[in-house]
N, C-alpha and C. Protein backbone atom coordinates (compact mmCIF):
# COMPACT_ATOMS: atom_id res chain seq x y z
N MET A 1 1.60 -5.13 -16.20
CA MET A 1 0.88 -5.21 -15.25
C MET A 1 1.69 -5.46 -14.26
N LYS A 2 2.72 -6.18 -14.09
CA LYS A 2 3.63 -6.28 -13.08
C LYS A 2 4.13 -5.21 -13.16
N THR A 3 4.80 -4.47 -13.98
CA THR A 3 5.18 -3.12 -13.55
C THR A 3 4.53 -2.03 -13.02
N ILE A 4 3.00 -1.99 -13.42
CA ILE A 4 2.00 -1.18 -12.66
C ILE A 4 2.41 -1.13 -11.57
N ILE A 5 2.04 -2.67 -11.18
CA ILE A 5 1.84 -3.19 -9.56
C ILE A 5 3.14 -2.75 -8.68
N PHE A 6 3.91 -3.24 -9.37
CA PHE A 6 5.36 -2.68 -8.90
C PHE A 6 5.73 -1.11 -8.56
N ALA A 7 5.42 -0.43 -9.63
CA ALA A 7 4.87 1.17 -9.06
C ALA A 7 4.30 1.60 -8.29
N GLY A 8 2.56 0.49 -8.07
CA GLY A 8 2.10 0.59 -6.78
C GLY A 8 2.90 0.70 -5.52
N LEU A 9 3.13 -0.34 -5.50
CA LEU A 9 3.91 -0.85 -4.52
C LEU A 9 5.48 -0.06 -3.89
N LEU A 10 5.69 0.52 -5.20
CA LEU A 10 6.89 1.35 -4.49
C LEU A 10 6.56 2.67 -4.43
N ALA A 11 5.53 3.03 -5.19
CA ALA A 11 4.96 4.58 -4.15
C ALA A 11 4.30 4.24 -2.53
N ILE A 12 3.80 2.98 -2.77
CA ILE A 12 3.38 2.70 -1.26
C ILE A 12 4.79 2.62 -0.40
N ALA A 13 5.61 1.93 -0.32
CA ALA A 13 6.97 1.60 -0.04
C ALA A 13 7.78 3.17 0.31
N THR A 14 7.76 3.75 -0.49
CA THR A 14 8.40 5.18 -0.47
C THR A 14 7.40 6.36 0.41
N SER A 15 6.27 6.03 0.70
CA SER A 15 5.48 6.92 1.93
C SER A 15 6.21 6.52 2.99
N ALA A 16 6.42 5.69 2.88
CA ALA A 16 7.01 5.11 5.07
C ALA A 16 7.96 5.95 4.86
N ALA A 17 8.21 5.97 6.63
CA ALA A 17 9.65 6.86 7.18
C ALA A 17 9.80 6.06 8.12
N PRO A 18 11.19 6.51 9.05
CA PRO A 18 11.46 5.72 10.11
C PRO A 18 10.53 6.38 11.24
N ALA A 19 10.11 6.10 12.40
CA ALA A 19 9.56 6.80 13.43
C ALA A 19 9.98 8.09 14.23
N ALA A 20 11.23 8.00 14.22
CA ALA A 20 11.74 9.29 14.51
C ALA A 20 11.68 10.75 13.54
N ALA A 21 11.59 10.35 12.23
CA ALA A 21 11.37 11.02 11.20
C ALA A 21 10.06 11.40 11.29
N ALA A 22 9.27 10.59 11.33
CA ALA A 22 7.76 11.19 11.48
C ALA A 22 7.42 12.09 12.74
N ALA A 23 8.10 11.52 13.75
CA ALA A 23 7.93 12.18 14.82
C ALA A 23 8.37 13.86 14.94
N ALA A 24 9.03 14.32 14.25
CA ALA A 24 9.29 15.86 13.65
C ALA A 24 8.61 15.94 12.90
N GLU A 25 7.73 15.44 12.27
CA GLU A 25 6.66 16.11 11.56
C GLU A 25 7.29 16.86 10.14
N ILE A 26 8.18 16.03 9.56
CA ILE A 26 8.23 16.53 8.29
C ILE A 26 7.23 16.35 7.48
N ALA A 27 7.59 17.14 6.27
CA ALA A 27 6.21 17.14 5.30
C ALA A 27 6.25 16.02 4.43
N PRO A 28 5.22 15.52 4.21
CA PRO A 28 4.84 14.12 3.50
C PRO A 28 5.67 13.89 2.68
N ASP A 29 5.68 15.25 1.68
CA ASP A 29 6.82 14.83 0.07
C ASP A 29 8.12 14.36 1.00
N ALA A 30 8.34 15.32 1.24
CA ALA A 30 9.80 15.06 2.29
C ALA A 30 10.18 13.97 2.65
N LEU A 31 9.19 13.13 3.58
CA LEU A 31 9.69 11.97 4.09
C LEU A 31 9.26 10.93 2.60
N ALA A 32 8.41 10.77 1.84
CA ALA A 32 8.92 10.24 0.44
C ALA A 32 10.20 10.16 0.14
N ARG A 33 10.52 11.18 -0.19
CA ARG A 33 11.89 11.63 -0.71
C ARG A 33 12.94 10.84 0.07
N SER A 34 12.68 10.96 1.41
CA SER A 34 14.00 10.70 1.87
C SER A 34 14.39 9.41 2.12
N VAL A 35 13.10 8.76 2.04
CA VAL A 35 13.04 7.01 2.30
C VAL A 35 13.17 6.07 1.24
N THR A 36 13.39 6.88 -0.15
CA THR A 36 13.13 6.77 -1.60
C THR A 36 14.61 5.89 -1.71
N ASP A 37 15.42 6.63 -1.88
CA ASP A 37 17.12 6.27 -1.85
C ASP A 37 16.88 4.69 -1.11
N GLU A 38 16.43 4.66 0.47
CA GLU A 38 17.20 3.63 1.35
C GLU A 38 16.15 2.42 0.74
N VAL A 39 14.61 2.77 0.02
CA VAL A 39 14.34 1.34 0.11
C VAL A 39 14.52 0.74 -1.40
N LEU A 40 14.89 1.79 -2.52
CA LEU A 40 15.67 1.23 -3.83
C LEU A 40 17.49 0.96 -3.50
N THR A 41 17.97 1.06 -2.66
CA THR A 41 18.70 0.23 -2.19
C THR A 41 19.39 -0.96 -2.21
N ILE A 42 18.47 -0.75 -0.79
CA ILE A 42 17.60 -2.39 -0.49
C ILE A 42 17.39 -3.34 -1.69
N VAL A 43 16.66 -2.63 -2.18
CA VAL A 43 15.75 -3.50 -3.20
C VAL A 43 17.46 -4.06 -4.44
N ARG A 44 18.07 -2.99 -4.98
CA ARG A 44 18.77 -3.22 -5.50
C ARG A 44 20.17 -4.03 -5.15
N SER A 45 20.51 -3.75 -3.75
CA SER A 45 21.59 -4.67 -3.81
C SER A 45 21.17 -6.26 -3.08
N ASP A 46 19.97 -6.57 -2.46
CA ASP A 46 19.84 -7.91 -1.97
C ASP A 46 19.13 -8.79 -3.33
N LYS A 47 19.86 -9.23 -3.75
CA LYS A 47 19.66 -10.57 -4.22
C LYS A 47 19.05 -11.49 -4.02
N GLU A 48 18.64 -11.92 -2.74
CA GLU A 48 17.11 -12.95 -2.40
C GLU A 48 15.97 -12.06 -2.45
N LEU A 49 15.98 -10.61 -2.08
CA LEU A 49 14.84 -10.06 -2.67
C LEU A 49 14.27 -10.33 -3.81
N GLN A 50 15.20 -9.73 -5.15
CA GLN A 50 15.08 -9.69 -6.47
C GLN A 50 14.39 -11.45 -6.62
N ALA A 51 15.01 -12.27 -6.34
CA ALA A 51 14.44 -13.70 -6.40
C ALA A 51 13.55 -14.20 -5.86
N GLY A 52 12.65 -12.97 -4.98
CA GLY A 52 11.60 -13.28 -4.51
C GLY A 52 11.35 -13.93 -3.22
N ASN A 53 12.49 -14.05 -2.23
CA ASN A 53 12.64 -14.65 -1.08
C ASN A 53 11.60 -14.38 0.06
N PRO A 54 10.41 -15.16 0.14
CA PRO A 54 9.36 -14.87 0.86
C PRO A 54 9.60 -14.04 2.05
N GLN A 55 10.29 -14.82 3.15
CA GLN A 55 10.90 -14.10 4.32
C GLN A 55 11.48 -12.78 4.36
N LYS A 56 12.31 -12.36 3.33
CA LYS A 56 13.14 -11.14 3.40
C LYS A 56 11.87 -9.94 2.64
N VAL A 57 11.05 -10.46 1.58
CA VAL A 57 10.00 -9.52 1.02
C VAL A 57 9.25 -9.00 2.13
N ALA A 58 8.80 -10.26 2.84
CA ALA A 58 7.80 -10.12 4.46
C ALA A 58 8.48 -8.87 5.31
N GLN A 59 9.66 -9.45 5.85
CA GLN A 59 10.62 -8.30 6.56
C GLN A 59 10.12 -6.95 5.66
N LEU A 60 10.83 -6.85 4.61
CA LEU A 60 11.19 -5.43 4.14
C LEU A 60 9.36 -4.88 4.09
N VAL A 61 8.39 -5.51 4.08
CA VAL A 61 7.25 -4.84 3.55
C VAL A 61 6.92 -4.66 4.93
N GLU A 62 7.29 -5.17 6.23
CA GLU A 62 6.31 -5.27 7.62
C GLU A 62 7.41 -4.08 8.16
N THR A 63 9.05 -3.57 7.85
CA THR A 63 9.58 -2.80 8.04
C THR A 63 9.25 -1.57 7.80
N LYS A 64 9.06 -1.49 6.24
CA LYS A 64 9.17 -0.14 5.77
C LYS A 64 7.51 0.11 5.31
N VAL A 65 6.90 -0.58 5.32
CA VAL A 65 5.23 -0.39 5.06
C VAL A 65 4.20 -0.34 6.01
N LEU A 66 3.77 -1.37 6.43
CA LEU A 66 2.76 -1.46 7.30
C LEU A 66 2.92 -0.28 8.35
N PRO A 67 4.02 0.29 9.29
CA PRO A 67 3.71 0.65 9.92
C PRO A 67 3.23 2.36 9.86
N HIS A 68 3.18 2.71 8.38
CA HIS A 68 2.91 3.80 7.39
C HIS A 68 1.55 4.32 6.71
N PHE A 69 0.36 2.93 7.42
CA PHE A 69 -0.62 2.80 6.67
C PHE A 69 -1.32 3.26 8.23
N ASN A 70 -2.48 3.98 7.39
CA ASN A 70 -4.07 3.47 7.97
C ASN A 70 -4.66 2.47 7.34
N PHE A 71 -4.81 1.27 7.98
CA PHE A 71 -5.48 -0.05 7.57
C PHE A 71 -6.80 0.17 7.77
N ASN A 72 -7.16 0.63 9.23
CA ASN A 72 -8.58 1.10 9.36
C ASN A 72 -9.34 1.71 8.52
N ARG A 73 -8.54 3.01 7.99
CA ARG A 73 -9.36 3.76 7.20
C ARG A 73 -9.13 3.41 5.82
N MET A 74 -8.52 2.31 5.52
CA MET A 74 -8.25 1.88 4.17
C MET A 74 -9.46 0.97 3.95
N THR A 75 -9.50 0.16 4.79
CA THR A 75 -10.56 -1.03 4.60
C THR A 75 -11.90 -0.11 4.92
N GLN A 76 -12.27 0.54 6.08
CA GLN A 76 -13.57 1.68 5.92
C GLN A 76 -13.74 1.72 4.39
N LEU A 77 -12.91 2.46 3.92
CA LEU A 77 -13.68 3.01 2.15
C LEU A 77 -13.90 1.74 1.52
N ALA A 78 -12.58 1.09 1.66
CA ALA A 78 -13.07 -0.31 0.25
C ALA A 78 -14.47 -0.73 0.80
N VAL A 79 -15.00 -1.17 2.23
CA VAL A 79 -16.15 -1.59 2.42
C VAL A 79 -17.34 -0.97 1.77
N GLY A 80 -16.98 0.61 2.01
CA GLY A 80 -18.05 1.53 1.63
C GLY A 80 -19.52 1.52 2.88
N ARG A 81 -20.08 1.98 2.04
CA ARG A 81 -21.66 1.71 2.90
C ARG A 81 -21.76 0.63 3.67
N ASN A 82 -21.26 -0.46 3.38
CA ASN A 82 -21.82 -1.56 3.77
C ASN A 82 -20.80 -2.01 5.36
N TRP A 83 -19.75 -1.02 5.64
CA TRP A 83 -19.00 -1.15 6.58
C TRP A 83 -20.05 -0.75 8.39
N ARG A 84 -21.22 -0.10 7.67
CA ARG A 84 -22.14 0.31 9.27
C ARG A 84 -22.86 -1.42 9.50
N GLN A 85 -23.01 -2.27 8.25
CA GLN A 85 -23.41 -3.24 8.98
C GLN A 85 -22.67 -4.49 9.55
N ALA A 86 -21.35 -4.09 9.59
CA ALA A 86 -20.41 -5.04 10.21
C ALA A 86 -20.31 -4.89 12.05
N THR A 87 -20.18 -5.86 12.35
CA THR A 87 -20.28 -5.63 14.26
C THR A 87 -18.77 -5.04 14.35
N PRO A 88 -18.27 -4.26 15.46
CA PRO A 88 -16.85 -4.12 15.82
C PRO A 88 -16.03 -5.51 15.59
N GLU A 89 -16.24 -6.38 15.96
CA GLU A 89 -15.44 -7.50 15.67
C GLU A 89 -15.63 -7.87 13.95
N GLN A 90 -16.23 -8.01 13.23
CA GLN A 90 -16.61 -8.11 12.19
C GLN A 90 -15.31 -7.05 11.55
N GLN A 91 -15.35 -5.53 11.89
CA GLN A 91 -14.86 -4.33 11.45
C GLN A 91 -13.17 -4.83 11.79
N ARG A 92 -13.41 -5.09 12.78
CA ARG A 92 -11.52 -5.91 13.03
C ARG A 92 -10.59 -6.79 12.46
N ALA A 93 -11.81 -7.59 12.13
CA ALA A 93 -11.54 -8.84 11.32
C ALA A 93 -11.21 -8.78 9.77
N LEU A 94 -11.96 -8.00 9.50
CA LEU A 94 -12.25 -7.26 7.81
C LEU A 94 -10.64 -6.26 7.92
N THR A 95 -10.47 -5.54 8.55
CA THR A 95 -9.05 -5.13 8.84
C THR A 95 -7.96 -5.81 8.65
N GLU A 96 -8.00 -6.56 9.64
CA GLU A 96 -7.10 -7.34 9.53
C GLU A 96 -6.75 -8.44 7.92
N GLU A 97 -7.30 -8.92 7.61
CA GLU A 97 -7.92 -9.41 6.61
C GLU A 97 -7.12 -8.69 5.06
N PHE A 98 -7.89 -7.70 4.97
CA PHE A 98 -7.84 -6.68 4.11
C PHE A 98 -5.55 -6.45 4.24
N LYS A 99 -5.83 -6.28 5.36
CA LYS A 99 -4.27 -6.06 5.52
C LYS A 99 -3.26 -6.97 4.99
N THR A 100 -3.74 -8.14 5.05
CA THR A 100 -2.69 -9.22 4.80
C THR A 100 -2.86 -9.39 3.17
N LEU A 101 -4.21 -9.34 2.70
CA LEU A 101 -4.33 -9.17 1.64
C LEU A 101 -3.56 -8.28 0.59
N LEU A 102 -3.46 -7.07 1.30
CA LEU A 102 -2.68 -6.26 0.82
C LEU A 102 -1.14 -6.57 0.45
N VAL A 103 -0.70 -7.10 1.76
CA VAL A 103 0.55 -7.47 1.86
C VAL A 103 0.78 -8.82 1.04
N ARG A 104 0.50 -9.48 1.01
CA ARG A 104 0.64 -10.53 0.47
C ARG A 104 0.15 -10.62 -1.07
N THR A 105 -0.61 -9.64 -1.19
CA THR A 105 -0.46 -9.34 -2.81
C THR A 105 0.59 -8.55 -3.64
N TYR A 106 1.14 -7.74 -2.76
CA TYR A 106 1.93 -6.72 -3.37
C TYR A 106 3.33 -7.10 -3.32
N ALA A 107 3.60 -7.60 -2.13
CA ALA A 107 4.78 -8.10 -1.83
C ALA A 107 5.97 -8.59 -3.05
N SER A 108 5.16 -9.11 -3.85
CA SER A 108 5.93 -9.76 -4.45
C SER A 108 6.29 -8.74 -5.86
N ALA A 109 6.03 -7.46 -5.98
CA ALA A 109 5.92 -6.83 -6.64
C ALA A 109 7.79 -6.37 -6.57
N PHE A 110 7.95 -6.31 -5.33
CA PHE A 110 9.45 -5.92 -5.59
C PHE A 110 10.39 -6.54 -6.13
N THR A 111 9.64 -7.74 -6.45
CA THR A 111 11.05 -8.86 -7.33
C THR A 111 11.13 -8.60 -8.28
N GLN A 112 10.03 -7.20 -8.59
CA GLN A 112 9.79 -6.70 -10.48
C GLN A 112 11.03 -5.68 -10.79
N TYR A 113 11.37 -5.16 -9.81
CA TYR A 113 12.49 -4.08 -10.07
C TYR A 113 13.34 -3.85 -11.40
N ARG A 114 13.20 -2.93 -11.72
CA ARG A 114 14.52 -3.03 -13.03
C ARG A 114 14.81 -1.64 -13.46
N ASN A 115 15.49 -0.93 -12.25
CA ASN A 115 15.92 0.23 -12.28
C ASN A 115 15.00 0.82 -12.52
N GLN A 116 13.79 1.54 -12.02
CA GLN A 116 12.79 2.30 -12.35
C GLN A 116 13.56 3.66 -11.43
N THR A 117 12.78 4.51 -11.61
CA THR A 117 13.08 5.82 -10.55
C THR A 117 12.20 6.37 -10.32
N VAL A 118 11.95 7.30 -9.17
CA VAL A 118 10.83 8.26 -8.74
C VAL A 118 10.96 9.60 -8.57
N ASP A 119 10.18 10.34 -9.65
CA ASP A 119 10.34 11.75 -9.51
C ASP A 119 9.07 12.18 -8.55
N TYR A 120 9.10 13.27 -7.94
CA TYR A 120 7.73 13.78 -7.43
C TYR A 120 7.57 15.29 -7.66
N ARG A 121 6.09 15.34 -8.18
CA ARG A 121 5.81 16.63 -8.24
C ARG A 121 5.51 17.51 -6.88
N PRO A 122 5.77 18.97 -7.30
CA PRO A 122 5.61 20.09 -5.97
C PRO A 122 4.41 19.50 -5.28
N LEU A 123 4.50 19.51 -3.69
CA LEU A 123 3.19 19.19 -3.06
C LEU A 123 2.29 20.73 -3.29
N ARG A 124 1.07 20.56 -3.08
CA ARG A 124 0.37 21.79 -2.85
C ARG A 124 -0.06 21.32 -1.19
N MET A 125 -0.07 22.13 -0.14
CA MET A 125 -0.08 22.36 0.78
C MET A 125 0.10 23.33 2.11
N ALA A 126 -1.51 23.84 2.56
CA ALA A 126 -1.08 24.72 3.47
C ALA A 126 -1.20 24.29 4.55
N PRO A 127 -0.04 25.39 5.50
CA PRO A 127 0.60 24.86 6.77
C PRO A 127 -0.51 23.99 7.78
N ALA A 128 -1.61 24.13 7.86
CA ALA A 128 -2.73 23.80 8.41
C ALA A 128 -3.21 22.01 8.03
N ASP A 129 -2.63 22.00 6.48
CA ASP A 129 -3.44 20.84 6.22
C ASP A 129 -3.06 19.61 7.09
N THR A 130 -3.84 18.51 7.36
CA THR A 130 -3.90 17.04 7.75
C THR A 130 -4.23 16.08 6.89
N ASP A 131 -4.52 16.70 5.63
CA ASP A 131 -4.90 15.70 4.43
C ASP A 131 -4.10 16.05 3.01
N VAL A 132 -3.46 15.40 2.28
CA VAL A 132 -3.00 15.71 1.28
C VAL A 132 -2.96 14.57 0.46
N VAL A 133 -2.31 15.10 -0.76
CA VAL A 133 -1.95 14.30 -1.51
C VAL A 133 -0.40 14.57 -2.43
N VAL A 134 0.36 13.37 -2.20
CA VAL A 134 1.61 13.29 -3.11
C VAL A 134 1.81 12.77 -4.56
N LYS A 135 1.92 13.30 -5.50
CA LYS A 135 2.25 13.18 -6.71
C LYS A 135 3.16 12.49 -6.98
N SER A 136 3.37 11.04 -7.75
CA SER A 136 4.85 11.07 -8.23
C SER A 136 4.68 10.36 -9.64
N LEU A 137 5.91 10.50 -10.21
CA LEU A 137 6.00 9.46 -11.26
C LEU A 137 7.20 8.40 -11.53
N ILE A 138 6.94 7.57 -12.06
CA ILE A 138 7.43 6.44 -11.82
C ILE A 138 8.00 6.51 -13.07
N LYS A 139 9.64 6.51 -13.28
CA LYS A 139 10.11 6.37 -14.70
C LYS A 139 10.56 4.98 -14.90
N GLN A 140 10.66 4.55 -15.88
CA GLN A 140 11.07 3.31 -16.47
C GLN A 140 12.32 3.24 -17.61
N PRO A 141 12.97 2.56 -17.59
CA PRO A 141 14.02 2.26 -18.59
C PRO A 141 13.28 2.19 -19.96
N THR A 142 12.09 1.99 -20.21
CA THR A 142 11.21 1.90 -21.63
C THR A 142 9.85 2.23 -21.18
N GLY A 143 9.25 2.61 -22.14
CA GLY A 143 7.77 2.88 -22.00
C GLY A 143 7.56 4.56 -21.04
N GLN A 144 6.61 4.84 -21.03
CA GLN A 144 6.16 6.17 -20.52
C GLN A 144 5.90 6.25 -19.07
N PRO A 145 6.27 6.89 -18.00
CA PRO A 145 6.29 7.15 -16.99
C PRO A 145 4.83 6.80 -16.31
N ILE A 146 4.40 6.26 -15.31
CA ILE A 146 3.05 5.68 -14.73
C ILE A 146 3.17 7.02 -13.29
N ALA A 147 1.95 7.73 -13.32
CA ALA A 147 1.66 8.24 -12.64
C ALA A 147 1.03 7.74 -11.26
N ILE A 148 1.33 7.75 -9.85
CA ILE A 148 1.28 7.78 -8.84
C ILE A 148 0.89 8.82 -7.71
N ASP A 149 -0.23 8.93 -7.31
CA ASP A 149 -0.89 9.63 -6.18
C ASP A 149 -1.54 8.82 -5.56
N TYR A 150 -0.71 9.29 -3.87
CA TYR A 150 -0.72 8.75 -2.65
C TYR A 150 -1.42 9.48 -2.20
N ALA A 151 -2.87 9.13 -0.92
CA ALA A 151 -3.24 10.11 0.03
C ALA A 151 -2.42 9.71 1.46
N MET A 152 -2.33 10.75 1.83
CA MET A 152 -2.10 11.08 3.36
C MET A 152 -2.54 11.44 4.33
N GLU A 153 -3.15 11.21 5.68
CA GLU A 153 -3.50 11.98 6.33
C GLU A 153 -2.18 12.11 7.49
N LYS A 154 -2.91 12.98 8.23
CA LYS A 154 -1.74 13.42 9.58
C LYS A 154 -2.47 13.05 11.03
N LEU A 155 -1.84 11.86 11.66
CA LEU A 155 -2.51 11.27 12.25
C LEU A 155 -1.58 11.22 13.63
N ALA A 156 -1.58 11.82 14.87
CA ALA A 156 -1.29 11.92 16.06
C ALA A 156 0.11 12.17 15.63
N GLY A 157 0.07 13.34 15.04
CA GLY A 157 2.15 13.98 14.23
C GLY A 157 2.68 12.88 13.16
N ALA A 158 1.79 11.78 12.63
CA ALA A 158 2.51 10.94 11.83
C ALA A 158 1.67 11.16 10.50
N TRP A 159 2.11 11.00 9.60
CA TRP A 159 1.64 10.87 8.12
C TRP A 159 1.75 9.59 7.79
N LYS A 160 0.25 8.89 7.30
CA LYS A 160 -0.36 8.19 6.90
C LYS A 160 -1.01 7.60 5.78
N VAL A 161 -0.43 6.71 4.92
CA VAL A 161 -1.27 6.75 3.50
C VAL A 161 -2.61 5.58 3.75
N TYR A 162 -3.38 6.51 3.03
CA TYR A 162 -4.63 5.38 3.34
C TYR A 162 -5.29 5.29 1.83
N ASP A 163 -4.67 5.76 0.54
CA ASP A 163 -4.96 5.25 -0.66
C ASP A 163 -4.29 5.34 -1.50
N VAL A 164 -4.15 4.81 -2.58
CA VAL A 164 -3.21 4.91 -3.96
C VAL A 164 -3.57 5.15 -4.90
N LYS A 165 -3.46 5.91 -6.02
CA LYS A 165 -3.82 5.61 -7.24
C LYS A 165 -3.06 5.61 -8.18
N ILE A 166 -3.07 4.40 -9.20
CA ILE A 166 -2.31 4.27 -10.46
C ILE A 166 -2.56 4.72 -11.52
N GLU A 167 -2.46 5.61 -12.27
CA GLU A 167 -2.79 6.25 -13.53
C GLU A 167 -4.45 6.64 -13.18
N GLY A 168 -4.60 7.21 -12.34
CA GLY A 168 -6.17 7.55 -11.86
C GLY A 168 -6.91 6.52 -11.07
N ILE A 169 -6.73 5.30 -11.23
CA ILE A 169 -7.25 4.19 -10.31
C ILE A 169 -6.83 3.97 -9.00
N SER A 170 -7.98 4.15 -7.77
CA SER A 170 -7.77 4.02 -6.71
C SER A 170 -7.63 2.88 -6.40
N LEU A 171 -6.66 2.33 -5.44
CA LEU A 171 -6.95 0.78 -4.67
C LEU A 171 -8.21 0.87 -3.95
N VAL A 172 -8.73 1.85 -3.26
CA VAL A 172 -9.27 1.10 -2.35
C VAL A 172 -10.77 1.20 -3.00
N GLU A 173 -10.75 2.17 -4.19
CA GLU A 173 -12.39 2.00 -5.03
C GLU A 173 -12.12 0.59 -6.01
N ASN A 174 -10.90 0.64 -6.05
CA ASN A 174 -10.98 -1.04 -7.27
C ASN A 174 -11.41 -2.10 -6.38
N TYR A 175 -11.00 -2.22 -5.12
CA TYR A 175 -11.75 -3.08 -3.94
C TYR A 175 -13.14 -3.03 -3.39
N ARG A 176 -13.45 -2.09 -3.48
CA ARG A 176 -15.07 -1.62 -3.23
C ARG A 176 -15.87 -2.76 -4.00
N ASN A 177 -15.80 -2.33 -5.12
CA ASN A 177 -16.60 -3.15 -6.48
C ASN A 177 -16.42 -4.33 -5.84
N THR A 178 -15.42 -5.35 -5.80
CA THR A 178 -15.01 -6.34 -5.52
C THR A 178 -16.26 -6.59 -3.78
N PHE A 179 -15.99 -6.11 -2.69
CA PHE A 179 -16.53 -6.14 -1.50
C PHE A 179 -17.85 -6.00 -1.81
N ASN A 180 -18.77 -4.85 -2.53
CA ASN A 180 -19.70 -4.65 -2.48
C ASN A 180 -20.51 -6.33 -3.02
N ASN A 181 -20.07 -6.68 -3.98
CA ASN A 181 -20.47 -8.13 -4.42
C ASN A 181 -20.13 -9.29 -3.81
N GLU A 182 -19.25 -9.29 -3.01
CA GLU A 182 -18.94 -10.45 -1.86
C GLU A 182 -20.02 -9.81 -0.79
N ILE A 183 -20.51 -8.97 -0.47
CA ILE A 183 -21.24 -8.71 0.93
C ILE A 183 -23.02 -9.00 -0.20
N GLN A 184 -23.09 -8.80 -0.92
CA GLN A 184 -24.65 -8.98 -1.57
C GLN A 184 -24.82 -10.39 -1.63
N ARG A 185 -23.94 -11.29 -1.62
CA ARG A 185 -24.04 -12.84 -2.11
C ARG A 185 -24.07 -13.13 -0.97
N GLY A 186 -23.01 -12.88 -0.21
CA GLY A 186 -22.74 -13.39 1.21
C GLY A 186 -22.94 -12.68 2.51
N GLY A 187 -23.30 -11.51 2.70
CA GLY A 187 -23.02 -11.02 3.78
C GLY A 187 -21.58 -10.41 4.17
N VAL A 188 -21.79 -9.80 5.32
CA VAL A 188 -20.32 -9.48 6.00
C VAL A 188 -19.17 -10.72 6.19
N GLU A 189 -20.14 -11.94 6.81
CA GLU A 189 -19.08 -12.81 6.65
C GLU A 189 -18.86 -13.95 5.29
N GLY A 190 -19.88 -13.35 4.43
CA GLY A 190 -19.49 -14.11 3.23
C GLY A 190 -17.95 -13.20 2.68
N LEU A 191 -18.07 -11.91 3.12
CA LEU A 191 -16.76 -11.36 2.61
C LEU A 191 -15.86 -11.70 3.56
N LEU A 192 -15.79 -12.12 4.56
CA LEU A 192 -14.60 -12.30 5.54
C LEU A 192 -14.33 -13.88 5.14
N ARG A 193 -14.85 -14.82 4.63
CA ARG A 193 -14.80 -15.77 4.27
C ARG A 193 -14.10 -15.74 2.70
N SER A 194 -14.19 -14.66 2.16
CA SER A 194 -13.44 -14.81 0.85
C SER A 194 -12.29 -14.02 0.90
N LEU A 195 -12.13 -13.30 1.74
CA LEU A 195 -11.01 -12.62 2.10
C LEU A 195 -10.08 -13.71 2.50
N GLY A 196 -10.30 -14.64 3.39
CA GLY A 196 -9.52 -15.85 4.28
C GLY A 196 -9.33 -16.65 2.99
N ASP A 197 -10.14 -16.89 1.93
CA ASP A 197 -9.75 -17.74 1.54
C ASP A 197 -8.53 -17.56 0.63
N LYS A 198 -8.69 -16.22 -0.16
CA LYS A 198 -7.34 -15.83 -0.58
C LYS A 198 -6.21 -15.70 -0.15
N ASN A 199 -6.20 -14.91 0.84
CA ASN A 199 -4.95 -15.16 1.83
C ASN A 199 -4.45 -16.41 1.81
N LYS A 200 -5.13 -17.35 2.10
CA LYS A 200 -4.73 -18.68 2.63
C LYS A 200 -4.09 -19.85 1.32
N ALA A 201 -4.44 -18.65 -0.19
CA ALA A 201 -4.14 -19.37 -1.60
C ALA A 201 -2.87 -18.57 -1.33
N LEU A 202 -3.16 -17.34 -1.26
CA LEU A 202 -1.42 -16.50 -1.34
C LEU A 202 -0.58 -16.66 -0.81
N ALA A 203 -0.64 -17.67 0.50
CA ALA A 203 0.60 -17.97 1.31
C ALA A 203 0.78 -19.16 0.86
N ALA A 204 -0.32 -19.90 0.17
CA ALA A 204 0.59 -21.48 -0.65
C ALA A 204 1.33 -20.83 -1.66
N GLN A 205 0.84 -20.03 -2.32
CA GLN A 205 1.46 -19.80 -3.42
C GLN A 205 2.99 -19.37 -2.96
N ALA A 206 3.21 -18.43 -1.70
CA ALA A 206 3.96 -18.17 -1.42
C ALA A 206 5.36 -19.17 -1.21
N SER A 207 4.96 -20.17 -0.41
CA SER A 207 5.76 -21.00 0.39
C SER A 207 6.20 -21.90 -0.94
N ARG A 208 5.42 -21.92 -1.99
CA ARG A 208 6.08 -22.94 -2.97
C ARG A 208 7.08 -22.31 -4.03
N ARG A 209 7.52 -21.29 -3.71
CA ARG A 209 8.38 -20.11 -4.18
C ARG A 209 9.38 -20.84 -3.87
């Protein structure tokens, strides 16, 4: 499971790219390829990252991942039809809590790196496309490769991730089932409380490392 989690986060991280590169409107798979070496080099060379230093892991996630996500769309997809029940303020709060949850849940995956490599499949994309799926395989020293697909859309000339599939399992759809259950039990405010509690628990765990 930890390897699969790592694969998902690595795929997300390799979707990131410096702002200058994004501004040049490089193809999404080219962005993924160009930054893979940088991310892997950081993880391979930094013993504190591998040991799970929470500050360094957080810094890596903040600089390499967060700017290249469309968290608003991810949250809307994860909440599903219940999104319309939420007020604008609740929608903003849900987006922030969901972003925090994803970061804190998957940040520890960087410490699971064990010489995995990433191969990208040929991208099927027309020149005018603004919504694409970049397919990749995480190759491990032992075991079968793990298929990673990540959906990206172009917003204001920059490509951003709004969903990731690990072996066909969608990140946002997986959370949607949980979120629907929480809303059925306690409404939108109940989901916000649940997300807040999970984030506090994850923050406490990180502080004890």
